[in-house]
C-alpha cells in the first residue's frame, strides 16, 4: 500500500505516575513527521520501521503514538527514508556547527545547549560556551552516529582531569547558577557533542 500524505494519529502520555488520566489527542501528522519520530526510535532499520507501521503503535520519549496500521511496500518506503541523512563517520567535528554538549561521567548528565551557554554572565568577558568549545576543539572527537531525534551528528570526546578543570572554571562565566553548580559538583569525564549539518 502506498504511503499516505497524512496519518490520523492518537497521542497519549507515557509518563509513569501512580494513577494518571491523560487526555488522548488526535492529530493529522504528515508522514514525514511520523517518520522522524520512527527514525528516532529505530534508526534507518527498514524492516523494523515496516513492522512499526503494520503494528500501528510506538513510544517516542514520553509519548505513545497510535494509528491504524498498514503494510508499506519497499518501493514506497525507501524513497522517503532516502530523504533523511545517513550517518557519516568521515564527517569531522566542527566547533562552529556544535549546538549542544552533554557532559557525562557521574550519576547526572549535564545537558548544555549553545543558546543557554553562549549568554554572557554579569561582568564576564567570554561565555561558558566559548570555554566549552575551546576544550572540545583541543582534542580528537570520535564520531558516534547520527541522532534523528536531535537532527545532529554525535561525537564523543574523553576529557582529561585538566580539561574538566578548565570546563569547571569556564562555568563561572555562565549566567545561570544551576549550570555553574552542576558543572562544579558533577564528576564528568566525557563530552557528547552534537553538530547540525
N, C-alpha and C. Protein backbone atom coordinates (compact mmCIF):
# COMPACT_ATOMS: atom_id res chain seq x y z
N UNK A 1 0.84 -1.18 0.00
CA UNK A 1 0.00 0.00 0.00
C UNK A 1 0.89 1.25 0.00
N UNK A 2 0.53 2.24 -0.81
CA UNK A 2 1.30 3.48 -0.90
C UNK A 2 1.22 4.24 0.42
N UNK A 3 2.26 5.02 0.69
CA UNK A 3 2.26 5.81 1.92
C UNK A 3 1.30 6.99 1.78
N UNK A 4 0.43 7.18 2.77
CA UNK A 4 -0.47 8.34 2.72
C UNK A 4 0.31 9.62 3.03
N UNK A 5 -0.22 10.75 2.58
CA UNK A 5 0.44 12.02 2.88
C UNK A 5 0.33 12.36 4.36
N UNK A 6 -0.86 12.09 4.94
CA UNK A 6 -1.09 12.36 6.35
C UNK A 6 -1.69 11.14 7.01
N UNK A 7 -1.42 11.00 8.30
CA UNK A 7 -1.92 9.86 9.06
C UNK A 7 -2.61 10.39 10.31
N UNK A 8 -3.78 9.84 10.59
CA UNK A 8 -4.51 10.21 11.81
C UNK A 8 -3.88 9.45 12.97
N UNK A 9 -3.28 10.19 13.89
CA UNK A 9 -2.52 9.60 14.99
C UNK A 9 -3.12 10.02 16.32
N UNK A 10 -3.25 9.07 17.23
CA UNK A 10 -3.67 9.35 18.60
C UNK A 10 -2.41 9.45 19.45
N UNK A 11 -2.27 10.55 20.15
CA UNK A 11 -1.10 10.79 21.01
C UNK A 11 -1.54 10.75 22.47
N UNK A 12 -0.80 10.01 23.28
CA UNK A 12 -1.09 9.98 24.71
C UNK A 12 0.23 9.94 25.47
N UNK A 13 0.17 10.35 26.73
CA UNK A 13 1.37 10.42 27.55
C UNK A 13 1.72 9.05 28.11
N UNK A 14 3.01 8.77 28.18
CA UNK A 14 3.51 7.52 28.76
C UNK A 14 4.26 7.80 30.06
N UNK A 15 4.02 8.96 30.66
CA UNK A 15 4.71 9.32 31.89
C UNK A 15 4.26 8.38 33.00
N UNK A 16 5.20 7.78 33.71
CA UNK A 16 4.88 6.84 34.77
C UNK A 16 4.47 7.60 36.03
N UNK A 17 3.23 7.44 36.41
CA UNK A 17 2.73 8.04 37.65
C UNK A 17 1.84 7.01 38.31
N UNK A 18 1.51 7.22 39.58
CA UNK A 18 0.69 6.26 40.32
C UNK A 18 -0.65 6.04 39.63
N UNK A 19 -1.48 7.03 39.63
CA UNK A 19 -2.75 6.97 38.92
C UNK A 19 -2.84 8.24 38.11
N UNK A 20 -2.96 8.09 36.82
CA UNK A 20 -2.94 9.26 35.97
C UNK A 20 -3.90 9.09 34.82
N UNK A 21 -4.74 10.08 34.60
CA UNK A 21 -5.62 10.09 33.45
C UNK A 21 -5.15 11.21 32.54
N UNK A 22 -4.57 10.83 31.42
CA UNK A 22 -4.08 11.84 30.50
C UNK A 22 -4.97 11.87 29.27
N UNK A 23 -5.23 13.03 28.75
CA UNK A 23 -6.09 13.10 27.57
C UNK A 23 -5.38 12.52 26.35
N UNK A 24 -6.19 11.98 25.46
CA UNK A 24 -5.69 11.49 24.18
C UNK A 24 -5.94 12.58 23.16
N UNK A 25 -4.90 12.96 22.45
CA UNK A 25 -5.01 14.00 21.43
C UNK A 25 -4.95 13.32 20.07
N UNK A 26 -5.84 13.72 19.18
CA UNK A 26 -5.84 13.17 17.83
C UNK A 26 -5.33 14.24 16.89
N UNK A 27 -4.31 13.87 16.09
CA UNK A 27 -3.71 14.82 15.14
C UNK A 27 -3.54 14.16 13.78
N UNK A 28 -3.60 14.98 12.77
CA UNK A 28 -3.26 14.52 11.42
C UNK A 28 -1.78 14.85 11.21
N UNK A 29 -0.93 13.84 11.26
CA UNK A 29 0.51 14.05 11.11
C UNK A 29 0.94 13.79 9.67
N UNK A 30 1.74 14.68 9.09
CA UNK A 30 2.33 14.35 7.79
C UNK A 30 3.21 13.11 7.95
N UNK A 31 3.25 12.26 6.94
CA UNK A 31 4.01 11.01 7.01
C UNK A 31 5.48 11.29 7.34
N UNK A 32 6.02 12.39 6.85
CA UNK A 32 7.43 12.73 7.12
C UNK A 32 7.65 12.99 8.61
N UNK A 33 6.72 13.66 9.28
CA UNK A 33 6.85 13.93 10.71
C UNK A 33 6.78 12.64 11.52
N UNK A 34 5.83 11.75 11.16
CA UNK A 34 5.75 10.46 11.84
C UNK A 34 7.04 9.67 11.62
N UNK A 35 7.58 9.74 10.39
CA UNK A 35 8.81 9.01 10.08
C UNK A 35 9.98 9.54 10.92
N UNK A 36 10.03 10.85 11.16
CA UNK A 36 11.09 11.41 12.02
C UNK A 36 11.04 10.80 13.41
N UNK A 37 9.84 10.65 13.95
CA UNK A 37 9.69 10.01 15.27
C UNK A 37 10.12 8.55 15.22
N UNK A 38 9.77 7.86 14.14
CA UNK A 38 10.16 6.46 13.99
C UNK A 38 11.68 6.31 13.87
N UNK A 39 12.30 7.19 13.11
CA UNK A 39 13.75 7.13 12.95
C UNK A 39 14.46 7.36 14.29
N UNK A 40 13.89 8.23 15.14
CA UNK A 40 14.48 8.47 16.45
C UNK A 40 14.46 7.21 17.31
N UNK A 41 13.47 6.35 17.07
CA UNK A 41 13.35 5.10 17.83
C UNK A 41 14.13 3.96 17.18
N UNK A 42 14.04 3.84 15.84
CA UNK A 42 14.56 2.65 15.15
C UNK A 42 15.75 2.91 14.25
N UNK A 43 16.12 4.17 14.02
CA UNK A 43 17.16 4.45 13.04
C UNK A 43 16.63 4.09 11.66
N UNK A 44 17.51 3.93 10.70
CA UNK A 44 17.09 3.59 9.34
C UNK A 44 17.01 2.07 9.15
N UNK A 45 16.39 1.42 10.10
CA UNK A 45 16.20 -0.02 10.05
C UNK A 45 14.86 -0.27 9.36
N UNK A 46 14.91 -0.47 8.03
CA UNK A 46 13.69 -0.57 7.22
C UNK A 46 12.74 -1.68 7.69
N UNK A 47 13.22 -2.91 7.96
CA UNK A 47 12.29 -3.94 8.44
C UNK A 47 11.59 -3.55 9.75
N UNK A 48 12.33 -2.92 10.65
CA UNK A 48 11.72 -2.51 11.93
C UNK A 48 10.69 -1.40 11.71
N UNK A 49 10.98 -0.47 10.81
CA UNK A 49 10.03 0.60 10.52
C UNK A 49 8.77 0.02 9.88
N UNK A 50 8.95 -0.93 8.96
CA UNK A 50 7.79 -1.59 8.34
C UNK A 50 6.93 -2.27 9.41
N UNK A 51 7.60 -2.95 10.34
CA UNK A 51 6.89 -3.64 11.42
C UNK A 51 6.10 -2.63 12.28
N UNK A 52 6.71 -1.48 12.57
CA UNK A 52 6.03 -0.45 13.37
C UNK A 52 4.81 0.09 12.62
N UNK A 53 4.94 0.29 11.31
CA UNK A 53 3.81 0.78 10.51
C UNK A 53 2.65 -0.22 10.53
N UNK A 54 2.95 -1.51 10.44
CA UNK A 54 1.92 -2.54 10.48
C UNK A 54 1.27 -2.60 11.86
N UNK A 55 2.11 -2.56 12.90
CA UNK A 55 1.62 -2.65 14.27
C UNK A 55 0.76 -1.44 14.64
N UNK A 56 1.12 -0.25 14.10
CA UNK A 56 0.33 0.95 14.34
C UNK A 56 0.53 1.57 15.70
N UNK A 57 1.68 1.34 16.30
CA UNK A 57 1.95 1.93 17.61
C UNK A 57 3.45 2.03 17.83
N UNK A 58 3.84 3.03 18.60
CA UNK A 58 5.24 3.18 19.03
C UNK A 58 5.28 4.18 20.18
N UNK A 59 6.34 4.12 20.94
CA UNK A 59 6.57 5.09 22.03
C UNK A 59 7.85 5.84 21.70
N UNK A 60 7.76 7.16 21.72
CA UNK A 60 8.92 8.02 21.47
C UNK A 60 8.98 9.03 22.61
N UNK A 61 10.04 8.94 23.42
CA UNK A 61 10.12 9.81 24.59
C UNK A 61 9.00 9.46 25.55
N UNK A 62 8.22 10.46 25.94
CA UNK A 62 7.11 10.24 26.88
C UNK A 62 5.76 10.18 26.16
N UNK A 63 5.78 9.96 24.85
CA UNK A 63 4.55 9.97 24.08
C UNK A 63 4.32 8.65 23.36
N UNK A 64 3.09 8.14 23.46
CA UNK A 64 2.68 6.95 22.70
C UNK A 64 1.92 7.42 21.48
N UNK A 65 2.31 6.90 20.32
CA UNK A 65 1.67 7.19 19.05
C UNK A 65 0.87 5.94 18.65
N UNK A 66 -0.41 6.13 18.24
CA UNK A 66 -1.23 5.02 17.75
C UNK A 66 -1.96 5.44 16.49
N UNK A 67 -2.01 4.53 15.52
CA UNK A 67 -2.70 4.78 14.26
C UNK A 67 -3.19 3.44 13.70
N UNK A 68 -4.01 3.48 12.69
CA UNK A 68 -4.44 2.26 12.02
C UNK A 68 -3.28 1.77 11.18
N UNK A 69 -2.77 0.60 11.53
CA UNK A 69 -1.58 0.08 10.84
C UNK A 69 -1.86 -0.37 9.42
N UNK A 70 -0.81 -0.40 8.62
CA UNK A 70 -0.91 -0.87 7.24
C UNK A 70 0.45 -1.37 6.77
N UNK A 71 0.41 -2.18 5.73
CA UNK A 71 1.63 -2.76 5.14
C UNK A 71 2.22 -1.75 4.15
N UNK A 72 3.45 -1.34 4.38
CA UNK A 72 4.13 -0.39 3.47
C UNK A 72 5.07 -1.16 2.57
N UNK A 73 5.01 -0.87 1.29
CA UNK A 73 5.90 -1.52 0.33
C UNK A 73 7.27 -0.89 0.32
N UNK A 74 8.30 -1.69 0.02
CA UNK A 74 9.67 -1.18 -0.02
C UNK A 74 9.82 -0.06 -1.04
N UNK A 75 9.11 -0.17 -2.17
CA UNK A 75 9.21 0.85 -3.22
C UNK A 75 8.68 2.20 -2.74
N UNK A 76 7.75 2.19 -1.80
CA UNK A 76 7.22 3.45 -1.26
C UNK A 76 8.06 3.97 -0.10
N UNK A 77 8.54 3.05 0.73
CA UNK A 77 9.25 3.43 1.95
C UNK A 77 10.69 3.90 1.67
N UNK A 78 11.38 3.24 0.76
CA UNK A 78 12.79 3.57 0.52
C UNK A 78 13.02 5.01 0.05
N UNK A 79 12.20 5.56 -0.88
CA UNK A 79 12.43 6.95 -1.27
C UNK A 79 12.23 7.94 -0.11
N UNK A 80 11.27 7.64 0.77
CA UNK A 80 11.05 8.51 1.93
C UNK A 80 12.24 8.43 2.88
N UNK A 81 12.73 7.24 3.15
CA UNK A 81 13.89 7.08 4.03
C UNK A 81 15.13 7.75 3.43
N UNK A 82 15.25 7.74 2.11
CA UNK A 82 16.41 8.35 1.45
C UNK A 82 16.45 9.86 1.65
N UNK A 83 15.32 10.47 1.98
CA UNK A 83 15.29 11.92 2.22
C UNK A 83 15.97 12.32 3.53
N UNK A 84 16.16 11.37 4.43
CA UNK A 84 16.76 11.64 5.74
C UNK A 84 18.26 11.36 5.68
N UNK A 85 19.06 12.10 6.45
CA UNK A 85 20.52 11.92 6.43
C UNK A 85 20.94 10.54 6.91
N UNK A 86 22.07 10.10 6.40
CA UNK A 86 22.70 8.86 6.87
C UNK A 86 23.86 9.24 7.78
N UNK A 87 24.23 8.35 8.71
CA UNK A 87 25.44 8.60 9.50
C UNK A 87 26.64 8.74 8.56
N UNK A 88 27.58 9.60 8.91
CA UNK A 88 28.76 9.84 8.08
C UNK A 88 30.01 9.87 8.96
N UNK A 89 30.62 8.69 9.21
CA UNK A 89 31.80 8.64 10.08
C UNK A 89 32.98 9.47 9.58
N UNK A 90 32.99 9.83 8.30
CA UNK A 90 34.09 10.63 7.75
C UNK A 90 33.93 12.12 8.05
N UNK A 91 32.76 12.52 8.53
CA UNK A 91 32.49 13.93 8.80
C UNK A 91 33.29 14.38 10.02
N UNK A 92 34.15 15.37 9.86
CA UNK A 92 34.94 15.84 11.01
C UNK A 92 34.09 16.72 11.94
N UNK A 93 34.47 16.75 13.20
CA UNK A 93 33.80 17.60 14.17
C UNK A 93 34.13 19.06 13.87
N UNK A 94 33.11 19.91 13.80
CA UNK A 94 33.31 21.34 13.55
C UNK A 94 32.72 22.13 14.71
N UNK A 95 33.57 22.85 15.42
CA UNK A 95 33.14 23.64 16.57
C UNK A 95 32.02 24.61 16.19
N UNK A 96 32.11 25.23 15.02
CA UNK A 96 31.14 26.24 14.62
C UNK A 96 29.74 25.66 14.43
N UNK A 97 29.63 24.35 14.20
CA UNK A 97 28.32 23.71 14.00
C UNK A 97 27.77 23.07 15.27
N UNK A 98 28.54 23.09 16.34
CA UNK A 98 28.12 22.44 17.58
C UNK A 98 26.95 23.21 18.21
N UNK A 99 25.90 22.50 18.55
CA UNK A 99 24.69 23.13 19.10
C UNK A 99 24.39 22.70 20.52
N UNK A 100 25.03 21.62 20.96
CA UNK A 100 24.68 21.06 22.28
C UNK A 100 25.82 20.18 22.77
N UNK A 101 26.02 20.18 24.09
CA UNK A 101 27.03 19.32 24.71
C UNK A 101 26.37 18.65 25.92
N UNK A 102 26.62 17.35 26.06
CA UNK A 102 26.20 16.65 27.27
C UNK A 102 27.46 16.17 27.96
N UNK A 103 27.69 16.67 29.17
CA UNK A 103 28.83 16.23 29.97
C UNK A 103 28.41 14.98 30.72
N UNK A 104 29.18 13.88 30.57
CA UNK A 104 28.81 12.59 31.17
C UNK A 104 29.92 12.08 32.07
N UNK A 105 29.55 11.23 33.01
CA UNK A 105 30.55 10.58 33.85
C UNK A 105 30.04 10.25 35.22
N UNK A 106 29.30 11.12 35.83
CA UNK A 106 28.74 10.85 37.14
C UNK A 106 27.33 10.31 37.03
N UNK A 107 26.60 10.39 38.12
CA UNK A 107 25.20 9.95 38.09
C UNK A 107 24.35 10.87 37.23
N UNK A 108 24.77 12.11 37.14
CA UNK A 108 23.98 13.13 36.45
C UNK A 108 24.66 13.53 35.16
N UNK A 109 23.91 13.51 34.07
CA UNK A 109 24.43 14.03 32.80
C UNK A 109 24.00 15.49 32.71
N UNK A 110 24.92 16.35 32.34
CA UNK A 110 24.64 17.78 32.27
C UNK A 110 24.44 18.16 30.81
N UNK A 111 23.21 18.52 30.46
CA UNK A 111 22.83 18.85 29.09
C UNK A 111 22.92 20.36 28.91
N UNK A 112 23.80 20.80 28.01
CA UNK A 112 24.06 22.24 27.83
C UNK A 112 23.83 22.63 26.38
N UNK A 113 22.86 23.49 26.15
CA UNK A 113 22.59 24.00 24.82
C UNK A 113 23.40 25.25 24.52
N UNK A 114 23.75 25.44 23.27
CA UNK A 114 24.54 26.61 22.87
C UNK A 114 23.84 27.91 23.24
N UNK A 115 22.53 27.99 22.99
CA UNK A 115 21.81 29.24 23.27
C UNK A 115 21.91 29.64 24.73
N UNK A 116 21.85 28.66 25.62
CA UNK A 116 21.93 28.94 27.05
C UNK A 116 23.36 29.29 27.47
N UNK A 117 24.31 28.47 27.04
CA UNK A 117 25.70 28.64 27.48
C UNK A 117 26.41 29.81 26.80
N UNK A 118 25.86 30.31 25.70
CA UNK A 118 26.51 31.42 24.99
C UNK A 118 26.10 32.78 25.55
N UNK A 119 25.24 32.80 26.55
CA UNK A 119 24.86 34.07 27.18
C UNK A 119 25.92 34.49 28.17
N UNK A 120 26.31 35.74 28.09
CA UNK A 120 27.36 36.23 28.98
C UNK A 120 26.81 36.46 30.39
N UNK A 121 27.62 36.08 31.36
CA UNK A 121 27.30 36.38 32.74
C UNK A 121 27.65 37.82 33.04
N UNK A 122 27.18 38.31 34.15
CA UNK A 122 27.45 39.68 34.56
C UNK A 122 28.96 39.88 34.74
N UNK A 123 29.52 40.87 34.10
CA UNK A 123 30.94 41.22 34.18
C UNK A 123 31.87 40.19 33.52
N UNK A 124 31.34 39.28 32.73
CA UNK A 124 32.18 38.27 32.07
C UNK A 124 32.67 38.78 30.73
N UNK A 125 33.90 38.44 30.41
CA UNK A 125 34.45 38.82 29.10
C UNK A 125 34.07 37.80 28.04
N UNK A 126 34.09 36.53 28.40
CA UNK A 126 33.71 35.49 27.46
C UNK A 126 32.47 34.76 27.96
N UNK A 127 32.12 33.68 27.29
CA UNK A 127 30.95 32.90 27.70
C UNK A 127 31.39 31.49 28.09
N UNK A 128 30.52 30.82 28.78
CA UNK A 128 30.76 29.42 29.13
C UNK A 128 30.91 28.59 27.86
N UNK A 129 30.10 28.89 26.84
CA UNK A 129 30.16 28.16 25.57
C UNK A 129 31.55 28.29 24.94
N UNK A 130 32.13 29.49 25.00
CA UNK A 130 33.48 29.70 24.46
C UNK A 130 34.48 28.75 25.13
N UNK A 131 34.38 28.64 26.45
CA UNK A 131 35.28 27.76 27.20
C UNK A 131 35.07 26.29 26.85
N UNK A 132 33.81 25.89 26.73
CA UNK A 132 33.49 24.51 26.34
C UNK A 132 34.07 24.18 24.97
N UNK A 133 33.87 25.09 24.01
CA UNK A 133 34.33 24.84 22.64
C UNK A 133 35.85 24.87 22.54
N UNK A 134 36.49 25.66 23.37
CA UNK A 134 37.95 25.68 23.40
C UNK A 134 38.48 24.31 23.81
N UNK A 135 37.87 23.71 24.83
CA UNK A 135 38.28 22.37 25.28
C UNK A 135 37.92 21.34 24.22
N UNK A 136 36.70 21.43 23.64
CA UNK A 136 36.26 20.46 22.63
C UNK A 136 37.19 20.45 21.42
N UNK A 137 37.65 21.62 21.01
CA UNK A 137 38.50 21.73 19.81
C UNK A 137 39.94 21.28 20.08
N UNK A 138 40.34 21.20 21.34
CA UNK A 138 41.73 20.90 21.67
C UNK A 138 42.08 19.42 21.53
N UNK A 139 41.10 18.55 21.40
CA UNK A 139 41.38 17.12 21.29
C UNK A 139 40.57 16.49 20.17
N UNK A 140 40.68 15.17 20.08
CA UNK A 140 40.01 14.45 18.99
C UNK A 140 38.63 13.96 19.45
N UNK A 141 37.60 14.40 18.73
CA UNK A 141 36.24 13.92 18.97
C UNK A 141 35.97 12.76 18.02
N UNK A 142 35.45 11.66 18.54
CA UNK A 142 35.20 10.45 17.76
C UNK A 142 33.73 10.42 17.32
N UNK A 143 33.51 10.17 16.04
CA UNK A 143 32.15 10.14 15.50
C UNK A 143 31.36 9.00 16.16
N UNK A 144 30.13 9.29 16.61
CA UNK A 144 29.32 8.30 17.33
C UNK A 144 27.97 8.05 16.68
N UNK A 145 27.75 8.59 15.48
CA UNK A 145 26.50 8.32 14.77
C UNK A 145 25.66 9.56 14.56
N UNK A 146 24.53 9.36 13.91
CA UNK A 146 23.60 10.46 13.64
C UNK A 146 22.38 10.29 14.53
N UNK A 147 21.97 11.36 15.20
CA UNK A 147 20.78 11.34 16.05
C UNK A 147 19.61 11.94 15.28
N UNK A 148 18.65 11.09 14.92
CA UNK A 148 17.47 11.59 14.22
C UNK A 148 16.60 12.42 15.16
N UNK A 149 16.61 12.09 16.43
CA UNK A 149 15.83 12.86 17.41
C UNK A 149 16.35 14.30 17.49
N UNK A 150 17.67 14.46 17.47
CA UNK A 150 18.28 15.79 17.60
C UNK A 150 18.60 16.43 16.26
N UNK A 151 18.45 15.65 15.18
CA UNK A 151 18.82 16.12 13.83
C UNK A 151 20.26 16.62 13.81
N UNK A 152 21.13 15.79 14.36
CA UNK A 152 22.54 16.21 14.50
C UNK A 152 23.46 15.00 14.49
N UNK A 153 24.70 15.23 14.05
CA UNK A 153 25.74 14.22 14.18
C UNK A 153 26.25 14.25 15.61
N UNK A 154 26.58 13.07 16.15
CA UNK A 154 27.06 12.96 17.54
C UNK A 154 28.54 12.59 17.54
N UNK A 155 29.27 13.19 18.46
CA UNK A 155 30.69 12.88 18.65
C UNK A 155 30.93 12.68 20.14
N UNK A 156 31.88 11.81 20.46
CA UNK A 156 32.27 11.59 21.86
C UNK A 156 33.70 12.07 22.03
N UNK A 157 33.94 12.69 23.17
CA UNK A 157 35.27 13.24 23.45
C UNK A 157 35.60 12.95 24.90
N UNK A 158 36.62 12.10 25.14
CA UNK A 158 37.08 11.85 26.51
C UNK A 158 37.81 13.08 27.01
N UNK A 159 37.61 13.38 28.29
CA UNK A 159 38.20 14.58 28.88
C UNK A 159 39.23 14.20 29.93
N UNK A 160 40.34 14.91 29.92
CA UNK A 160 41.37 14.71 30.95
C UNK A 160 40.96 15.47 32.20
N UNK A 161 41.66 15.22 33.28
CA UNK A 161 41.40 15.93 34.54
C UNK A 161 41.61 17.42 34.35
N UNK A 162 42.64 17.79 33.61
CA UNK A 162 42.92 19.21 33.35
C UNK A 162 41.79 19.84 32.54
N UNK A 163 41.26 19.11 31.56
CA UNK A 163 40.17 19.65 30.74
C UNK A 163 38.89 19.81 31.55
N UNK A 164 38.61 18.87 32.46
CA UNK A 164 37.41 19.03 33.30
C UNK A 164 37.58 20.24 34.22
N UNK A 165 38.80 20.48 34.67
CA UNK A 165 39.05 21.67 35.50
C UNK A 165 38.81 22.95 34.69
N UNK A 166 39.26 22.96 33.43
CA UNK A 166 39.06 24.13 32.57
C UNK A 166 37.57 24.39 32.32
N UNK A 167 36.81 23.31 32.13
CA UNK A 167 35.37 23.46 31.92
C UNK A 167 34.71 24.00 33.17
N UNK A 168 35.12 23.49 34.34
CA UNK A 168 34.56 24.00 35.60
C UNK A 168 34.88 25.48 35.78
N UNK A 169 36.09 25.90 35.42
CA UNK A 169 36.45 27.32 35.50
C UNK A 169 35.62 28.14 34.52
N UNK A 170 35.42 27.60 33.32
CA UNK A 170 34.63 28.31 32.31
C UNK A 170 33.18 28.46 32.75
N UNK A 171 32.68 27.51 33.54
CA UNK A 171 31.29 27.56 34.02
C UNK A 171 31.04 28.79 34.87
N UNK A 172 32.10 29.35 35.47
CA UNK A 172 31.94 30.58 36.26
C UNK A 172 31.44 31.75 35.41
N UNK A 173 31.61 31.64 34.09
CA UNK A 173 31.14 32.70 33.18
C UNK A 173 29.66 32.57 32.84
N UNK A 174 29.03 31.47 33.25
CA UNK A 174 27.63 31.24 32.93
C UNK A 174 26.72 32.19 33.71
N UNK A 175 25.65 32.61 33.08
CA UNK A 175 24.65 33.45 33.74
C UNK A 175 23.81 32.66 34.72
N UNK A 176 23.81 31.35 34.58
CA UNK A 176 22.88 30.51 35.32
C UNK A 176 23.57 29.75 36.45
N UNK A 177 23.13 29.99 37.67
CA UNK A 177 23.74 29.34 38.83
C UNK A 177 23.54 27.83 38.79
N UNK A 178 22.45 27.35 38.24
CA UNK A 178 22.21 25.91 38.17
C UNK A 178 23.29 25.22 37.36
N UNK A 179 23.62 25.80 36.20
CA UNK A 179 24.68 25.22 35.37
C UNK A 179 26.01 25.28 36.10
N UNK A 180 26.32 26.44 36.70
CA UNK A 180 27.59 26.57 37.43
C UNK A 180 27.69 25.50 38.51
N UNK A 181 26.63 25.34 39.31
CA UNK A 181 26.65 24.37 40.41
C UNK A 181 26.77 22.94 39.91
N UNK A 182 26.03 22.60 38.84
CA UNK A 182 26.09 21.24 38.30
C UNK A 182 27.49 20.91 37.78
N UNK A 183 28.08 21.84 37.04
CA UNK A 183 29.41 21.59 36.46
C UNK A 183 30.46 21.48 37.57
N UNK A 184 30.34 22.28 38.61
CA UNK A 184 31.32 22.24 39.70
C UNK A 184 31.22 20.96 40.53
N UNK A 185 30.00 20.42 40.68
CA UNK A 185 29.81 19.29 41.61
C UNK A 185 29.70 17.93 40.95
N UNK A 186 29.61 17.85 39.63
CA UNK A 186 29.46 16.56 38.95
C UNK A 186 30.82 16.08 38.44
N UNK A 187 31.09 14.80 38.68
CA UNK A 187 32.34 14.19 38.21
C UNK A 187 32.13 13.69 36.79
N UNK A 188 32.42 14.53 35.81
CA UNK A 188 32.24 14.11 34.41
C UNK A 188 33.60 13.85 33.79
N UNK A 189 33.62 12.93 32.82
CA UNK A 189 34.88 12.55 32.19
C UNK A 189 34.75 12.47 30.67
N UNK A 190 33.56 12.79 30.16
CA UNK A 190 33.34 12.66 28.74
C UNK A 190 32.34 13.72 28.29
N UNK A 191 32.51 14.17 27.05
CA UNK A 191 31.57 15.12 26.46
C UNK A 191 30.96 14.50 25.22
N UNK A 192 29.64 14.56 25.14
CA UNK A 192 28.94 14.14 23.92
C UNK A 192 28.58 15.44 23.19
N UNK A 193 29.04 15.56 21.96
CA UNK A 193 28.90 16.82 21.21
C UNK A 193 27.96 16.60 20.02
N UNK A 194 27.04 17.53 19.82
CA UNK A 194 26.05 17.43 18.75
C UNK A 194 26.29 18.56 17.76
N UNK A 195 26.38 18.23 16.47
CA UNK A 195 26.58 19.25 15.44
C UNK A 195 25.52 19.13 14.37
N UNK A 196 24.94 20.25 13.99
CA UNK A 196 23.97 20.28 12.90
C UNK A 196 24.69 20.20 11.57
N UNK A 197 23.94 19.86 10.53
CA UNK A 197 24.54 19.80 9.19
C UNK A 197 24.22 21.04 8.41
